[in-house]
Amino acid sequence: MNISKFLINTKSLMKLAYPILIAQLIQNLMGFSDTVMAGRVSATDMAAVAVANSIWLPIILTIYGLVMALAAIVSQLAGAKKYIDIADETYQTGWIALTLGLSLIVLYYLLAPIIAPTIELEGNLKPLLFDYLGYIVWGAPGFCLYLVLRNYSEGLSHTKPTMIISIIGLLINIPANYIFIYGEFGLPALGGAGCGIATALVYWVMFISMAIYCLCSKVLTKANLFESFYWPNWSKIKKILNLGIPIALSLLFEVSLFSVVAILLLPFGADVVASHQITLNFSGLIFMVPLSLAIAVTIKVGFAVGNKDFTLAKEYCSYSVILGLILAMMTAIFTILFRQEIAGIYTNESSVIDLAASLLFLAVLYQFSDTVQVISAGALRGYKDTKSILYITFVSYWLVGLSVGLILGLTDWIVPRTGPYGFWIGFIIGLTTAAVLLAWRLKIVQKRVELQFKSI
């Protein structure tokens, strides 16, 4: 390994990645503040927010995955210095995002009256749950459009606005929660459902803030969004969907897998489910590190490919994996040393802390495979190869990982059933399979792109 090149590439990647990491962590803090502030009202309000988020987040993450295609498109166009086309592609993605955001509002008000009577929930939980969802959907168009502008800016290698606007969002989220939950300034006290209004308000503020930045920023003038207006172009929209839908579905496969495992663990009791959720929540926070690096890799690889600098693109791929594994080693050591204390942040029950601490030890192994697979997937997005990510993640997570988890966790076929340990071993094997296959696919794509360029 060339140390000087590694250091240069690391500096370049981290310059892009750290604002994204801070933004991702802040968005997690928003969810955390919603849960805590609703919990101050009652356990029912906190449960309503938690259940509503378990419905809302997979939907919004799926849309986020689809819009992520824009960062790869923009970075390749910027590398090729086709700045005129960037605005058009951004508008086309915007039309997709706006349609999806408005569709969520329509679908909620069509389906809620049909679904609500069929659900049996204790006490005030059901009205709080549906009120929360009824409020938050009004923020969906704003958030979807914010994602478009975010990926436009990030695709042009400007990631700090994402961080700054996330901070603005958090600063608005907390007082807005207080106002709508407890009923300040003459407004009715809505309890946990008020978090839905606060979050919808934050979504629109983030979109408006990002739009103002894009309008006023001097660094984005090469690909100015406001010089011309572009109506929907179906052929371009279709290409974006072909690129974005596999990303969206691969994210959905991952998120839904963890939700399914939580349900499968219910017969083992509340302590086991709580320990699993603690491990999953902390792993999700740690995952923000390689995910942020993967987004930076998408941008850097896309720009290099657009510029026909395939050697540089390969260097970013290789060095980002090395950097990711170094960071994973650091987070792994932290997790091992402080696993009891980490579990203790979430609960005071010793039985839950002990089980969560032992699962966190397995999560350490999980971090290395997760790092390789998410960075490899990020690099593939930079090459605009997304369908392979969909196929590989489906096979790795659902056919390999879940099957191993079911066999080890729920049956005595190989060893006496191991419950949550079996499922976490399944996660590790599934992610390792994904890491190997995605890295292998990346090598194939790199050779194919180079050969296509040489044949021109």
Protein backbone atom coordinates (compact mmCIF):
# COMPACT_ATOMS: atom_id res chain seq x y z
CA MET A 1 0.00 0.00 0.00
CA ASN A 2 1.22 3.48 -0.90
CA ILE A 3 1.05 5.33 2.45
CA SER A 4 1.22 8.83 0.97
CA LYS A 5 -1.65 8.10 -1.45
CA PHE A 6 -3.63 6.49 1.35
CA LEU A 7 -3.25 9.60 3.51
CA ILE A 8 -4.20 11.93 0.64
CA ASN A 9 -7.27 9.86 -0.24
CA THR A 10 -8.22 9.50 3.43
CA LYS A 11 -8.12 13.27 3.92
CA SER A 12 -10.26 13.78 0.82
CA LEU A 13 -12.81 11.14 1.87
CA MET A 14 -13.05 12.30 5.48
CA LYS A 15 -13.58 15.91 4.36
CA LEU A 16 -16.75 14.71 2.63
CA ALA A 17 -17.75 12.05 5.17
CA TYR A 18 -17.59 13.85 8.52
CA PRO A 19 -20.40 16.38 7.80
CA ILE A 20 -22.58 13.50 6.58
CA LEU A 21 -21.78 11.51 9.75
CA ILE A 22 -22.72 14.45 11.99
CA ALA A 23 -25.94 14.97 10.01
CA GLN A 24 -26.87 11.28 10.31
CA LEU A 25 -26.23 11.29 14.07
CA ILE A 26 -28.29 14.45 14.51
CA GLN A 27 -31.22 12.86 12.67
CA ASN A 28 -30.97 9.93 15.09
CA LEU A 29 -31.02 12.44 17.95
CA MET A 30 -34.30 13.84 16.60
CA GLY A 31 -35.90 10.40 16.91
CA PHE A 32 -34.38 10.01 20.37
CA SER A 33 -35.74 13.38 21.52
CA ASP A 34 -39.22 12.47 20.21
CA THR A 35 -39.22 9.24 22.22
CA VAL A 36 -37.87 10.80 25.43
CA MET A 37 -40.18 13.84 25.36
CA ALA A 38 -43.23 11.71 24.59
CA GLY A 39 -42.21 9.36 27.41
CA ARG A 40 -42.37 12.28 29.86
CA VAL A 41 -46.13 12.37 29.20
CA SER A 42 -46.81 8.65 29.61
CA ALA A 43 -45.59 5.20 28.60
CA THR A 44 -48.53 5.02 26.19
CA ASP A 45 -47.41 8.20 24.40
CA MET A 46 -43.85 6.88 24.15
CA ALA A 47 -45.11 3.54 22.79
CA ALA A 48 -47.27 5.34 20.21
CA VAL A 49 -44.26 7.31 18.93
CA ALA A 50 -42.10 4.17 18.85
CA VAL A 51 -44.68 2.12 16.93
CA ALA A 52 -45.43 5.00 14.53
CA ASN A 53 -41.73 5.40 13.79
CA SER A 54 -41.39 1.67 13.12
CA ILE A 55 -44.01 2.18 10.37
CA TRP A 56 -42.79 5.55 9.12
CA LEU A 57 -39.02 5.03 8.99
CA PRO A 58 -38.96 2.05 6.57
CA ILE A 59 -41.16 4.05 4.18
CA ILE A 60 -39.08 7.21 4.31
CA LEU A 61 -35.80 5.26 4.16
CA THR A 62 -37.02 3.53 1.00
CA ILE A 63 -37.63 6.93 -0.62
CA TYR A 64 -34.23 8.09 0.66
CA GLY A 65 -32.62 5.08 -1.04
CA LEU A 66 -34.32 5.92 -4.32
CA VAL A 67 -33.19 9.57 -4.22
CA MET A 68 -29.61 8.48 -3.39
CA ALA A 69 -29.24 7.64 -7.08
CA LEU A 70 -29.05 11.39 -7.76
CA ALA A 71 -25.70 11.74 -5.93
CA ALA A 72 -24.11 9.18 -8.27
CA ILE A 73 -25.67 10.83 -11.34
CA VAL A 74 -24.56 14.33 -10.32
CA SER A 75 -21.02 13.28 -9.37
CA GLN A 76 -20.46 11.52 -12.71
CA LEU A 77 -21.84 14.51 -14.64
CA ALA A 78 -19.63 16.87 -12.59
CA GLY A 79 -16.60 14.68 -13.32
CA ALA A 80 -17.42 14.88 -17.03
CA LYS A 81 -18.00 18.66 -16.66
CA LYS A 82 -21.58 18.30 -17.97
CA TYR A 83 -22.93 20.90 -15.57
CA ILE A 84 -25.91 21.85 -17.76
CA ASP A 85 -27.32 18.32 -17.44
CA ILE A 86 -27.08 18.33 -13.63
CA ALA A 87 -29.98 20.76 -13.17
CA ASP A 88 -32.21 18.72 -15.50
CA GLU A 89 -31.45 15.44 -13.68
CA THR A 90 -32.11 17.14 -10.33
CA TYR A 91 -35.49 18.43 -11.51
CA GLN A 92 -36.47 14.97 -12.79
CA THR A 93 -35.56 13.42 -9.45
CA GLY A 94 -37.51 16.25 -7.80
CA TRP A 95 -40.63 15.31 -9.75
CA ILE A 96 -40.26 11.71 -8.56
CA ALA A 97 -39.75 12.81 -4.95
CA LEU A 98 -42.69 15.25 -5.01
CA THR A 99 -44.98 12.57 -6.45
CA LEU A 100 -43.95 10.09 -3.75
CA GLY A 101 -44.34 12.68 -0.97
CA LEU A 102 -47.84 13.66 -2.08
CA SER A 103 -48.75 9.99 -2.59
CA LEU A 104 -47.98 9.26 1.06
CA ILE A 105 -50.57 11.85 2.13
CA VAL A 106 -53.20 10.42 -0.21
CA LEU A 107 -52.45 6.81 0.78
CA TYR A 108 -52.67 7.58 4.48
CA TYR A 109 -56.11 9.17 4.23
CA LEU A 110 -57.34 6.38 1.96
CA LEU A 111 -55.99 3.48 4.02
CA ALA A 112 -56.22 4.73 7.61
CA PRO A 113 -60.06 4.53 7.80
CA ILE A 114 -59.89 0.95 6.47
CA ILE A 115 -56.98 -0.30 8.61
CA ALA A 116 -57.72 1.47 11.92
CA PRO A 117 -60.91 -0.51 12.79
CA THR A 118 -59.09 -3.84 12.27
CA ILE A 119 -56.31 -3.05 14.80
CA GLU A 120 -56.80 -3.80 18.50
CA LEU A 121 -54.57 -1.70 20.77
CA GLU A 122 -54.95 -0.98 24.45
CA GLY A 123 -56.14 2.33 25.87
CA ASN A 124 -55.26 5.52 24.04
CA LEU A 125 -52.48 3.94 21.99
CA LYS A 126 -54.41 3.58 18.72
CA PRO A 127 -55.66 7.20 18.42
CA LEU A 128 -52.21 8.54 19.35
CA LEU A 129 -50.56 6.26 16.76
CA PHE A 130 -52.87 7.28 13.91
CA ASP A 131 -52.85 10.96 14.90
CA TYR A 132 -49.03 10.95 14.81
CA LEU A 133 -49.00 9.37 11.33
CA GLY A 134 -51.77 11.72 10.16
CA TYR A 135 -49.64 14.71 11.14
CA ILE A 136 -46.22 13.56 9.94
CA VAL A 137 -47.37 12.65 6.42
CA TRP A 138 -47.89 16.36 5.73
CA GLY A 139 -44.14 16.79 6.04
CA ALA A 140 -43.41 14.03 3.51
CA PRO A 141 -43.29 16.25 0.38
CA GLY A 142 -40.93 18.66 2.13
CA PHE A 143 -38.60 15.91 3.30
CA CYS A 144 -38.57 14.21 -0.10
CA LEU A 145 -37.65 17.49 -1.82
CA TYR A 146 -35.01 18.16 0.85
CA LEU A 147 -33.45 14.78 0.03
CA VAL A 148 -33.25 15.79 -3.64
CA LEU A 149 -31.45 19.06 -2.87
CA ARG A 150 -29.21 17.29 -0.35
CA ASN A 151 -28.09 14.70 -2.91
CA TYR A 152 -27.63 17.43 -5.53
CA SER A 153 -25.30 19.32 -3.19
CA GLU A 154 -23.48 16.19 -1.99
CA GLY A 155 -23.06 14.97 -5.57
CA LEU A 156 -21.17 18.21 -6.22
CA SER A 157 -18.95 17.39 -3.19
CA HIS A 158 -20.55 19.95 -0.87
CA THR A 159 -21.62 18.05 2.25
CA LYS A 160 -21.36 20.72 4.98
CA PRO A 161 -24.82 22.17 4.19
CA THR A 162 -26.30 18.78 5.10
CA MET A 163 -24.67 19.01 8.53
CA ILE A 164 -25.64 22.63 9.16
CA ILE A 165 -29.26 22.12 8.11
CA SER A 166 -29.54 19.00 10.28
CA ILE A 167 -28.40 21.09 13.26
CA ILE A 168 -31.08 23.68 12.39
CA GLY A 169 -33.62 20.85 12.24
CA LEU A 170 -32.68 19.58 15.70
CA LEU A 171 -32.80 23.09 17.19
CA ILE A 172 -36.35 23.46 15.87
CA ASN A 173 -37.43 19.90 16.69
CA ILE A 174 -36.98 20.11 20.47
CA PRO A 175 -38.96 23.35 21.15
CA ALA A 176 -41.58 22.34 18.56
CA ASN A 177 -42.02 19.02 20.37
CA TYR A 178 -42.49 20.90 23.64
CA ILE A 179 -45.09 23.23 22.14
CA PHE A 180 -47.21 20.57 20.46
CA ILE A 181 -46.83 17.81 23.07
CA TYR A 182 -47.70 19.96 26.07
CA GLY A 183 -49.90 22.57 24.39
CA GLU A 184 -48.07 25.88 24.76
CA PHE A 185 -49.12 29.30 23.37
CA GLY A 186 -52.79 28.40 23.52
CA LEU A 187 -52.42 25.29 21.34
CA PRO A 188 -54.04 21.99 22.42
CA ALA A 189 -51.84 19.45 24.22
CA LEU A 190 -51.52 16.58 21.75
CA GLY A 191 -49.21 14.31 23.74
CA GLY A 192 -46.96 12.00 21.75
CA ALA A 193 -48.95 12.72 18.58
CA GLY A 194 -47.60 16.28 18.72
CA CYS A 195 -44.18 14.91 17.74
CA GLY A 196 -45.71 14.21 14.33
CA ILE A 197 -46.51 17.90 13.78
CA ALA A 198 -43.08 18.94 15.07
CA THR A 199 -41.30 16.51 12.72
CA ALA A 200 -43.41 17.61 9.73
CA LEU A 201 -42.52 21.23 10.52
CA VAL A 202 -38.82 20.32 10.72
CA TYR A 203 -39.01 18.56 7.35
CA TRP A 204 -40.33 21.72 5.65
CA VAL A 205 -37.80 23.96 7.42
CA MET A 206 -34.97 21.68 6.24
CA PHE A 207 -36.25 21.81 2.67
CA ILE A 208 -36.66 25.61 2.67
CA SER A 209 -33.20 26.04 4.28
CA MET A 210 -31.60 23.80 1.65
CA ALA A 211 -33.43 25.62 -1.15
CA ILE A 212 -32.15 28.98 0.15
CA TYR A 213 -28.60 27.59 0.30
CA CYS A 214 -28.83 26.28 -3.29
CA LEU A 215 -30.17 29.65 -4.43
CA CYS A 216 -27.51 31.76 -2.70
CA SER A 217 -24.45 29.49 -2.78
CA LYS A 218 -21.63 30.63 -5.03
CA VAL A 219 -20.02 27.17 -5.13
CA LEU A 220 -23.09 25.70 -6.87
CA THR A 221 -23.31 28.28 -9.65
CA LYS A 222 -21.76 25.92 -12.22
CA ALA A 223 -24.83 23.71 -11.93
CA ASN A 224 -27.39 26.40 -11.14
CA LEU A 225 -30.86 25.00 -10.47
CA PHE A 226 -32.63 28.31 -10.96
CA GLU A 227 -31.53 29.40 -14.45
CA SER A 228 -34.03 27.14 -16.21
CA PHE A 229 -37.16 25.18 -15.32
CA TYR A 230 -37.51 21.54 -16.43
CA TRP A 231 -40.85 19.79 -16.81
CA PRO A 232 -41.07 16.02 -16.25
CA ASN A 233 -39.26 13.97 -18.89
CA TRP A 234 -40.42 10.36 -18.73
CA SER A 235 -37.36 8.84 -20.44
CA LYS A 236 -35.04 10.52 -17.92
CA ILE A 237 -37.33 9.69 -15.00
CA LYS A 238 -37.30 6.05 -16.08
CA LYS A 239 -33.49 5.96 -16.06
CA ILE A 240 -33.39 7.49 -12.58
CA LEU A 241 -35.94 4.96 -11.34
CA ASN A 242 -33.94 2.10 -12.87
CA LEU A 243 -30.94 3.32 -10.91
CA GLY A 244 -32.74 4.26 -7.69
CA ILE A 245 -35.30 1.50 -7.15
CA PRO A 246 -32.65 -1.22 -6.54
CA ILE A 247 -31.00 1.03 -3.92
CA ALA A 248 -34.38 1.66 -2.28
CA LEU A 249 -35.30 -2.02 -2.19
CA SER A 250 -31.90 -3.08 -0.84
CA LEU A 251 -32.35 -0.61 2.04
CA LEU A 252 -35.87 -1.94 2.61
CA PHE A 253 -34.58 -5.53 2.71
CA GLU A 254 -32.07 -4.60 5.41
CA VAL A 255 -34.47 -2.58 7.58
CA SER A 256 -37.31 -5.10 7.30
CA LEU A 257 -35.00 -8.01 8.19
CA PHE A 258 -34.26 -6.52 11.60
CA SER A 259 -37.97 -5.83 12.16
CA VAL A 260 -38.86 -9.44 11.32
CA VAL A 261 -36.21 -10.78 13.73
CA ALA A 262 -37.59 -8.60 16.52
CA ILE A 263 -41.01 -10.19 15.95
CA LEU A 264 -39.52 -13.73 15.85
CA LEU A 265 -37.87 -13.11 19.22
CA LEU A 266 -41.14 -12.17 20.97
CA PRO A 267 -41.74 -15.74 22.33
CA PHE A 268 -38.40 -15.52 24.18
CA GLY A 269 -39.75 -12.77 26.42
CA ALA A 270 -39.42 -9.04 27.00
CA ASP A 271 -35.83 -9.20 28.31
CA VAL A 272 -34.58 -10.89 25.15
CA VAL A 273 -36.44 -8.48 22.85
CA ALA A 274 -35.16 -5.50 24.87
CA SER A 275 -31.56 -6.79 24.72
CA HIS A 276 -31.85 -7.33 20.98
CA GLN A 277 -33.23 -3.80 20.49
CA ILE A 278 -30.43 -2.28 22.59
CA THR A 279 -27.79 -4.06 20.50
CA LEU A 280 -29.56 -3.11 17.30
CA ASN A 281 -29.91 0.53 18.30
CA PHE A 282 -26.26 0.91 19.28
CA SER A 283 -25.11 -0.96 16.16
CA GLY A 284 -27.24 1.42 14.12
CA LEU A 285 -25.40 4.39 15.61
CA ILE A 286 -22.02 2.79 14.87
CA PHE A 287 -23.24 1.99 11.34
CA MET A 288 -23.45 5.74 10.67
CA VAL A 289 -19.62 5.78 10.44
CA PRO A 290 -19.19 3.36 7.48
CA LEU A 291 -22.44 4.61 5.90
CA SER A 292 -21.14 8.19 5.84
CA LEU A 293 -17.87 6.95 4.35
CA ALA A 294 -19.83 4.95 1.75
CA ILE A 295 -21.76 8.07 0.67
CA ALA A 296 -18.45 9.93 0.30
CA VAL A 297 -17.08 7.00 -1.76
CA THR A 298 -20.10 7.16 -4.08
CA ILE A 299 -19.38 10.85 -4.73
CA LYS A 300 -15.62 10.42 -5.22
CA VAL A 301 -15.88 7.31 -7.41
CA GLY A 302 -18.69 8.86 -9.48
CA PHE A 303 -16.63 12.00 -10.10
CA ALA A 304 -13.53 9.98 -11.05
CA VAL A 305 -15.53 7.73 -13.41
CA GLY A 306 -17.18 10.77 -15.03
CA ASN A 307 -13.69 12.23 -15.50
CA LYS A 308 -12.50 8.91 -17.04
CA ASP A 309 -9.90 8.59 -14.27
CA PHE A 310 -10.46 4.90 -13.57
CA THR A 311 -7.19 4.48 -11.69
CA LEU A 312 -8.25 7.13 -9.17
CA ALA A 313 -11.68 5.51 -8.88
CA LYS A 314 -10.04 2.17 -8.00
CA GLU A 315 -7.79 3.90 -5.46
CA TYR A 316 -10.80 5.42 -3.72
CA CYS A 317 -12.43 1.98 -3.59
CA SER A 318 -9.39 0.27 -2.09
CA TYR A 319 -8.33 2.97 0.33
CA SER A 320 -11.88 3.57 1.58
CA VAL A 321 -12.20 -0.09 2.60
CA ILE A 322 -8.87 0.10 4.46
CA LEU A 323 -9.95 3.34 6.16
CA GLY A 324 -13.33 1.82 7.00
CA LEU A 325 -11.72 -1.24 8.61
CA ILE A 326 -9.38 0.97 10.67
CA LEU A 327 -12.40 2.93 11.93
CA ALA A 328 -14.25 -0.35 12.56
CA MET A 329 -11.32 -1.57 14.65
CA MET A 330 -11.59 1.60 16.77
CA THR A 331 -15.36 1.28 17.27
CA ALA A 332 -14.95 -2.46 17.97
CA ILE A 333 -12.41 -1.84 20.74
CA PHE A 334 -14.70 0.83 22.23
CA THR A 335 -17.68 -1.55 22.10
CA ILE A 336 -15.79 -4.42 23.76
CA LEU A 337 -14.35 -2.27 26.54
CA PHE A 338 -17.58 -0.47 27.40
CA ARG A 339 -20.30 -2.97 26.42
CA GLN A 340 -21.71 -3.17 29.99
CA GLU A 341 -21.80 0.62 30.29
CA ILE A 342 -23.35 0.96 26.83
CA ALA A 343 -26.15 -1.44 27.75
CA GLY A 344 -26.60 0.41 31.05
CA ILE A 345 -27.45 3.63 29.19
CA TYR A 346 -30.62 1.98 27.90
CA THR A 347 -31.85 0.14 31.01
CA ASN A 348 -31.30 -0.45 34.73
CA GLU A 349 -32.33 -4.13 34.66
CA SER A 350 -29.24 -6.30 35.24
CA SER A 351 -30.57 -9.30 33.28
CA VAL A 352 -31.15 -7.14 30.20
CA ILE A 353 -27.76 -5.43 30.60
CA ASP A 354 -25.92 -8.79 30.79
CA LEU A 355 -27.67 -10.24 27.74
CA ALA A 356 -27.25 -7.02 25.72
CA ALA A 357 -23.54 -6.90 26.66
CA SER A 358 -23.03 -10.43 25.33
CA LEU A 359 -24.89 -9.57 22.10
CA LEU A 360 -22.76 -6.44 21.73
CA PHE A 361 -19.72 -8.72 21.65
CA LEU A 362 -21.21 -10.44 18.58
CA ALA A 363 -22.02 -7.00 17.14
CA VAL A 364 -18.27 -6.28 17.17
CA LEU A 365 -17.73 -9.00 14.54
CA TYR A 366 -20.74 -7.68 12.65
CA GLN A 367 -19.10 -4.24 12.32
CA PHE A 368 -16.24 -5.49 10.11
CA SER A 369 -18.47 -7.26 7.57
CA ASP A 370 -20.92 -4.37 7.63
CA THR A 371 -18.11 -1.91 6.85
CA VAL A 372 -16.88 -3.84 3.81
CA GLN A 373 -20.35 -4.44 2.39
CA VAL A 374 -21.66 -0.87 2.79
CA ILE A 375 -18.49 0.73 1.34
CA SER A 376 -18.47 -1.74 -1.58
CA ALA A 377 -22.12 -0.91 -2.22
CA GLY A 378 -21.28 2.80 -2.10
CA ALA A 379 -18.52 2.32 -4.66
CA LEU A 380 -20.88 0.35 -6.93
CA ARG A 381 -23.37 3.22 -6.77
CA GLY A 382 -20.54 5.50 -7.94
CA TYR A 383 -20.18 3.24 -10.99
CA LYS A 384 -24.02 3.34 -11.40
CA ASP A 385 -24.21 -0.43 -10.86
CA THR A 386 -27.18 -0.78 -8.49
CA LYS A 387 -29.15 -3.86 -9.59
CA SER A 388 -26.34 -6.13 -8.42
CA ILE A 389 -26.63 -4.52 -4.93
CA LEU A 390 -30.33 -5.46 -4.88
CA TYR A 391 -29.75 -9.10 -5.84
CA ILE A 392 -26.76 -9.58 -3.54
CA THR A 393 -28.40 -7.99 -0.49
CA PHE A 394 -31.59 -10.01 -0.95
CA VAL A 395 -29.68 -13.30 -1.20
CA SER A 396 -27.26 -12.43 1.61
CA TYR A 397 -29.75 -11.02 4.12
CA TRP A 398 -32.91 -13.00 3.52
CA LEU A 399 -31.77 -16.32 2.04
CA VAL A 400 -28.46 -16.75 3.88
CA GLY A 401 -28.58 -14.57 7.01
CA LEU A 402 -32.21 -15.16 8.00
CA SER A 403 -32.03 -18.89 7.21
CA VAL A 404 -28.96 -19.32 9.44
CA GLY A 405 -30.64 -17.24 12.14
CA LEU A 406 -33.82 -19.32 12.02
CA ILE A 407 -31.90 -22.61 12.16
CA LEU A 408 -29.59 -21.58 15.01
CA GLY A 409 -32.07 -19.39 16.88
CA LEU A 410 -35.29 -21.41 16.73
CA THR A 411 -34.37 -25.06 16.03
CA ASP A 412 -32.21 -27.83 17.49
CA TRP A 413 -31.03 -29.06 14.06
CA ILE A 414 -27.34 -28.22 14.57
CA VAL A 415 -27.08 -27.09 18.20
CA PRO A 416 -29.70 -26.48 20.92
CA ARG A 417 -31.63 -23.37 19.94
CA THR A 418 -29.70 -20.24 20.83
CA GLY A 419 -32.40 -17.56 20.53
CA PRO A 420 -31.01 -14.07 19.91
CA TYR A 421 -27.43 -15.35 19.62
CA GLY A 422 -28.41 -17.47 16.63
CA PHE A 423 -29.98 -14.53 14.85
CA TRP A 424 -26.93 -12.34 15.45
CA ILE A 425 -24.68 -15.10 14.13
CA GLY A 426 -27.03 -15.15 11.13
CA PHE A 427 -26.56 -11.39 10.72
CA ILE A 428 -22.78 -11.84 10.77
CA ILE A 429 -22.84 -14.65 8.19
CA GLY A 430 -25.32 -12.76 5.98
CA LEU A 431 -23.28 -9.55 6.08
CA THR A 432 -20.05 -11.46 5.43
CA THR A 433 -21.68 -13.07 2.39
CA ALA A 434 -22.78 -9.63 1.18
CA ALA A 435 -19.28 -8.20 1.78
CA VAL A 436 -17.60 -10.95 -0.26
CA LEU A 437 -20.11 -10.81 -3.12
CA LEU A 438 -20.22 -7.01 -3.34
CA ALA A 439 -16.40 -6.76 -3.30
CA TRP A 440 -16.27 -9.43 -6.03
CA ARG A 441 -18.90 -7.58 -8.08
CA LEU A 442 -16.95 -4.33 -7.68
CA LYS A 443 -13.86 -5.93 -9.23
CA ILE A 444 -15.94 -7.14 -12.20
CA VAL A 445 -17.51 -3.71 -12.74
CA GLN A 446 -14.12 -1.96 -12.57
CA LYS A 447 -12.69 -4.23 -15.27
CA ARG A 448 -15.80 -3.89 -17.43
CA VAL A 449 -15.80 -0.07 -17.29
CA GLU A 450 -12.09 0.08 -18.17
CA LEU A 451 -12.55 -2.30 -21.12
CA GLN A 452 -15.53 -0.29 -22.41
CA PHE A 453 -13.48 2.90 -22.29
CA LYS A 454 -10.51 1.28 -24.09
CA SER A 455 -12.80 -0.04 -26.85
CA ILE A 456 -14.12 3.47 -27.64
